[in-house]
Amino acid sequence: MDAMWARITQGGRLVIPAAVRRSMKITDGDVVMLQMEGKVLKVVPLRDRLDAVQSVCSQVLTGGGVVAEFLEERRQEASKELD
């Protein structure tokens, strides 16, 4: 999407243009996270952040990734110690 201009209004309010809201699937009442990266302000819908966190948690809880490998190694070491 090309750059767009917006004006800060009274009280520091910023209106996100409708085209941007549509492309980000932001609707009335949605919660967004404002994140500063240097002098750049990022607007991220909360649901996008939650989706990312749920994805990571899902991998951990279903036995994917480094955590599962570590736990499996510990189980093998523990079984050797019991023998």
N, C-alpha and C. Protein backbone atom coordinates (compact mmCIF):
# COMPACT_ATOMS: atom_id res chain seq x y z
N MET A 1 0.86 -1.17 0.00
CA MET A 1 0.00 0.00 0.00
C MET A 1 0.90 1.23 0.00
N ASP A 2 0.54 2.21 -0.79
CA ASP A 2 1.31 3.45 -0.86
C ASP A 2 1.14 4.25 0.41
N ALA A 3 2.08 5.16 0.64
CA ALA A 3 2.02 6.04 1.81
C ALA A 3 0.78 6.93 1.72
N MET A 4 0.21 7.23 2.87
CA MET A 4 -0.95 8.11 2.96
C MET A 4 -0.67 9.17 4.00
N TRP A 5 -1.35 10.28 3.89
CA TRP A 5 -1.20 11.36 4.85
C TRP A 5 -2.38 11.35 5.80
N ALA A 6 -2.13 11.70 7.04
CA ALA A 6 -3.19 11.84 8.04
C ALA A 6 -2.80 13.01 8.93
N ARG A 7 -3.77 13.61 9.57
CA ARG A 7 -3.52 14.76 10.42
C ARG A 7 -3.83 14.40 11.87
N ILE A 8 -2.98 14.85 12.76
CA ILE A 8 -3.23 14.70 14.19
C ILE A 8 -4.21 15.80 14.58
N THR A 9 -5.30 15.41 15.23
CA THR A 9 -6.32 16.37 15.62
C THR A 9 -6.24 16.66 17.11
N GLN A 10 -7.19 17.45 17.58
CA GLN A 10 -7.23 17.87 18.98
C GLN A 10 -7.13 16.66 19.91
N GLY A 11 -6.33 16.79 20.93
CA GLY A 11 -6.17 15.70 21.89
C GLY A 11 -5.21 14.62 21.41
N GLY A 12 -4.48 14.87 20.32
CA GLY A 12 -3.52 13.89 19.83
C GLY A 12 -4.15 12.74 19.07
N ARG A 13 -5.37 12.92 18.60
CA ARG A 13 -6.06 11.84 17.90
C ARG A 13 -5.57 11.71 16.46
N LEU A 14 -5.43 10.47 16.04
CA LEU A 14 -5.03 10.16 14.68
C LEU A 14 -6.11 9.28 14.08
N VAL A 15 -6.64 9.68 12.94
CA VAL A 15 -7.65 8.86 12.26
C VAL A 15 -6.92 8.00 11.24
N ILE A 16 -7.09 6.69 11.36
CA ILE A 16 -6.49 5.76 10.40
C ILE A 16 -7.42 5.72 9.19
N PRO A 17 -6.90 6.03 8.00
CA PRO A 17 -7.74 6.06 6.81
C PRO A 17 -8.47 4.73 6.59
N ALA A 18 -9.67 4.82 6.04
CA ALA A 18 -10.53 3.64 5.85
C ALA A 18 -9.83 2.56 5.03
N ALA A 19 -9.09 2.94 4.00
CA ALA A 19 -8.40 1.94 3.17
C ALA A 19 -7.39 1.15 4.00
N VAL A 20 -6.70 1.82 4.91
CA VAL A 20 -5.73 1.14 5.77
C VAL A 20 -6.45 0.21 6.74
N ARG A 21 -7.54 0.72 7.34
CA ARG A 21 -8.31 -0.12 8.28
C ARG A 21 -8.83 -1.37 7.58
N ARG A 22 -9.31 -1.21 6.36
CA ARG A 22 -9.82 -2.38 5.62
C ARG A 22 -8.69 -3.37 5.35
N SER A 23 -7.54 -2.87 4.90
CA SER A 23 -6.45 -3.80 4.56
C SER A 23 -5.92 -4.50 5.81
N MET A 24 -6.00 -3.85 6.98
CA MET A 24 -5.55 -4.45 8.23
C MET A 24 -6.67 -5.19 8.96
N LYS A 25 -7.87 -5.14 8.38
CA LYS A 25 -9.06 -5.77 8.97
C LYS A 25 -9.32 -5.25 10.40
N ILE A 26 -9.16 -3.94 10.56
CA ILE A 26 -9.45 -3.28 11.83
C ILE A 26 -10.86 -2.72 11.77
N THR A 27 -11.67 -3.03 12.77
CA THR A 27 -13.04 -2.52 12.82
C THR A 27 -13.25 -1.76 14.13
N ASP A 28 -14.37 -1.06 14.22
CA ASP A 28 -14.69 -0.30 15.43
C ASP A 28 -14.59 -1.20 16.66
N GLY A 29 -13.92 -0.71 17.68
CA GLY A 29 -13.82 -1.43 18.93
C GLY A 29 -12.61 -2.36 19.02
N ASP A 30 -11.92 -2.59 17.91
CA ASP A 30 -10.72 -3.44 17.96
C ASP A 30 -9.65 -2.76 18.80
N VAL A 31 -8.83 -3.57 19.46
CA VAL A 31 -7.71 -3.06 20.24
C VAL A 31 -6.46 -3.19 19.39
N VAL A 32 -5.66 -2.13 19.35
CA VAL A 32 -4.41 -2.16 18.60
C VAL A 32 -3.25 -1.86 19.55
N MET A 33 -2.09 -2.37 19.20
CA MET A 33 -0.88 -2.11 19.97
C MET A 33 -0.08 -1.07 19.20
N LEU A 34 0.39 -0.04 19.90
CA LEU A 34 1.24 0.97 19.30
C LEU A 34 2.67 0.66 19.73
N GLN A 35 3.55 0.53 18.76
CA GLN A 35 4.92 0.14 19.04
C GLN A 35 5.87 1.12 18.36
N MET A 36 6.81 1.67 19.13
CA MET A 36 7.79 2.59 18.58
C MET A 36 9.04 1.82 18.16
N GLU A 37 9.50 2.08 16.96
CA GLU A 37 10.77 1.55 16.47
C GLU A 37 11.55 2.76 15.96
N GLY A 38 12.40 3.27 16.83
CA GLY A 38 13.07 4.53 16.51
C GLY A 38 12.03 5.62 16.48
N LYS A 39 11.93 6.32 15.36
CA LYS A 39 10.91 7.36 15.22
C LYS A 39 9.74 6.90 14.37
N VAL A 40 9.60 5.58 14.23
CA VAL A 40 8.51 5.00 13.44
C VAL A 40 7.48 4.43 14.40
N LEU A 41 6.22 4.79 14.19
CA LEU A 41 5.12 4.26 14.99
C LEU A 41 4.45 3.13 14.21
N LYS A 42 4.41 1.96 14.82
CA LYS A 42 3.73 0.82 14.21
C LYS A 42 2.41 0.60 14.91
N VAL A 43 1.38 0.32 14.14
CA VAL A 43 0.06 -0.01 14.67
C VAL A 43 -0.19 -1.47 14.34
N VAL A 44 -0.35 -2.29 15.39
CA VAL A 44 -0.52 -3.73 15.19
C VAL A 44 -1.82 -4.16 15.88
N PRO A 45 -2.75 -4.74 15.14
CA PRO A 45 -3.97 -5.24 15.79
C PRO A 45 -3.61 -6.28 16.85
N LEU A 46 -4.25 -6.19 18.01
CA LEU A 46 -3.97 -7.11 19.11
C LEU A 46 -4.17 -8.56 18.69
N ARG A 47 -5.18 -8.81 17.87
CA ARG A 47 -5.44 -10.19 17.45
C ARG A 47 -4.26 -10.77 16.69
N ASP A 48 -3.52 -9.93 15.93
CA ASP A 48 -2.33 -10.42 15.22
C ASP A 48 -1.25 -10.84 16.21
N ARG A 49 -1.07 -10.06 17.27
CA ARG A 49 -0.09 -10.41 18.30
C ARG A 49 -0.50 -11.70 19.02
N LEU A 50 -1.80 -11.81 19.32
CA LEU A 50 -2.30 -13.01 20.00
C LEU A 50 -2.12 -14.25 19.12
N ASP A 51 -2.36 -14.10 17.82
CA ASP A 51 -2.17 -15.22 16.89
C ASP A 51 -0.72 -15.69 16.90
N ALA A 52 0.21 -14.73 16.93
CA ALA A 52 1.63 -15.08 16.94
C ALA A 52 2.00 -15.82 18.23
N VAL A 53 1.49 -15.33 19.37
CA VAL A 53 1.78 -15.97 20.66
C VAL A 53 1.17 -17.36 20.71
N GLN A 54 -0.05 -17.50 20.24
CA GLN A 54 -0.71 -18.80 20.24
C GLN A 54 0.04 -19.80 19.36
N SER A 55 0.59 -19.33 18.26
CA SER A 55 1.35 -20.20 17.37
C SER A 55 2.59 -20.74 18.07
N VAL A 56 3.31 -19.87 18.77
CA VAL A 56 4.50 -20.29 19.49
C VAL A 56 4.13 -21.27 20.60
N CYS A 57 3.10 -20.94 21.36
CA CYS A 57 2.66 -21.81 22.46
C CYS A 57 2.21 -23.16 21.93
N SER A 58 1.55 -23.17 20.81
CA SER A 58 1.08 -24.41 20.22
C SER A 58 2.24 -25.32 19.87
N GLN A 59 3.31 -24.75 19.34
CA GLN A 59 4.48 -25.55 18.99
C GLN A 59 5.10 -26.15 20.24
N VAL A 60 5.18 -25.37 21.30
CA VAL A 60 5.77 -25.85 22.55
C VAL A 60 4.90 -26.94 23.16
N LEU A 61 3.59 -26.70 23.21
CA LEU A 61 2.69 -27.64 23.88
C LEU A 61 2.48 -28.92 23.10
N THR A 62 2.67 -28.88 21.79
CA THR A 62 2.49 -30.08 20.99
C THR A 62 3.79 -30.83 20.77
N GLY A 63 4.83 -30.40 21.47
CA GLY A 63 6.09 -31.13 21.41
C GLY A 63 6.99 -30.73 20.27
N GLY A 64 6.76 -29.59 19.68
CA GLY A 64 7.63 -29.15 18.59
C GLY A 64 8.77 -28.30 19.10
N GLY A 65 9.85 -28.30 18.38
CA GLY A 65 10.92 -27.36 18.64
C GLY A 65 11.97 -27.83 19.63
N VAL A 66 12.77 -26.90 20.06
CA VAL A 66 13.93 -27.14 20.92
C VAL A 66 13.53 -27.67 22.29
N VAL A 67 12.45 -27.19 22.82
CA VAL A 67 12.01 -27.63 24.15
C VAL A 67 11.74 -29.13 24.16
N ALA A 68 11.06 -29.61 23.14
CA ALA A 68 10.75 -31.04 23.07
C ALA A 68 12.03 -31.87 22.97
N GLU A 69 12.99 -31.39 22.17
CA GLU A 69 14.26 -32.10 22.05
C GLU A 69 14.98 -32.15 23.38
N PHE A 70 15.01 -31.03 24.09
CA PHE A 70 15.67 -30.96 25.39
C PHE A 70 15.02 -31.93 26.37
N LEU A 71 13.69 -31.93 26.43
CA LEU A 71 12.99 -32.81 27.36
C LEU A 71 13.24 -34.28 27.03
N GLU A 72 13.29 -34.61 25.75
CA GLU A 72 13.55 -35.98 25.35
C GLU A 72 14.96 -36.40 25.76
N GLU A 73 15.92 -35.52 25.58
CA GLU A 73 17.29 -35.83 26.02
C GLU A 73 17.34 -36.06 27.53
N ARG A 74 16.65 -35.24 28.28
CA ARG A 74 16.63 -35.39 29.74
C ARG A 74 15.98 -36.71 30.14
N ARG A 75 14.91 -37.10 29.45
CA ARG A 75 14.25 -38.38 29.74
C ARG A 75 15.21 -39.54 29.50
N GLN A 76 15.94 -39.48 28.39
CA GLN A 76 16.89 -40.55 28.07
C GLN A 76 18.00 -40.61 29.11
N GLU A 77 18.52 -39.45 29.52
CA GLU A 77 19.56 -39.43 30.54
C GLU A 77 19.04 -39.98 31.88
N ALA A 78 17.81 -39.61 32.23
CA ALA A 78 17.23 -40.08 33.49
C ALA A 78 17.03 -41.59 33.46
N SER A 79 16.61 -42.13 32.32
CA SER A 79 16.39 -43.58 32.24
C SER A 79 17.72 -44.34 32.36
N LYS A 80 18.81 -43.77 31.81
CA LYS A 80 20.13 -44.39 31.93
C LYS A 80 20.59 -44.40 33.39
N GLU A 81 20.28 -43.33 34.11
CA GLU A 81 20.67 -43.23 35.52
C GLU A 81 19.94 -44.27 36.38
N LEU A 82 18.73 -44.63 36.00
CA LEU A 82 17.94 -45.58 36.76
C LEU A 82 18.38 -47.02 36.50
N ASP A 83 19.03 -47.26 35.36
CA ASP A 83 19.46 -48.63 35.02
C ASP A 83 20.62 -49.10 35.85
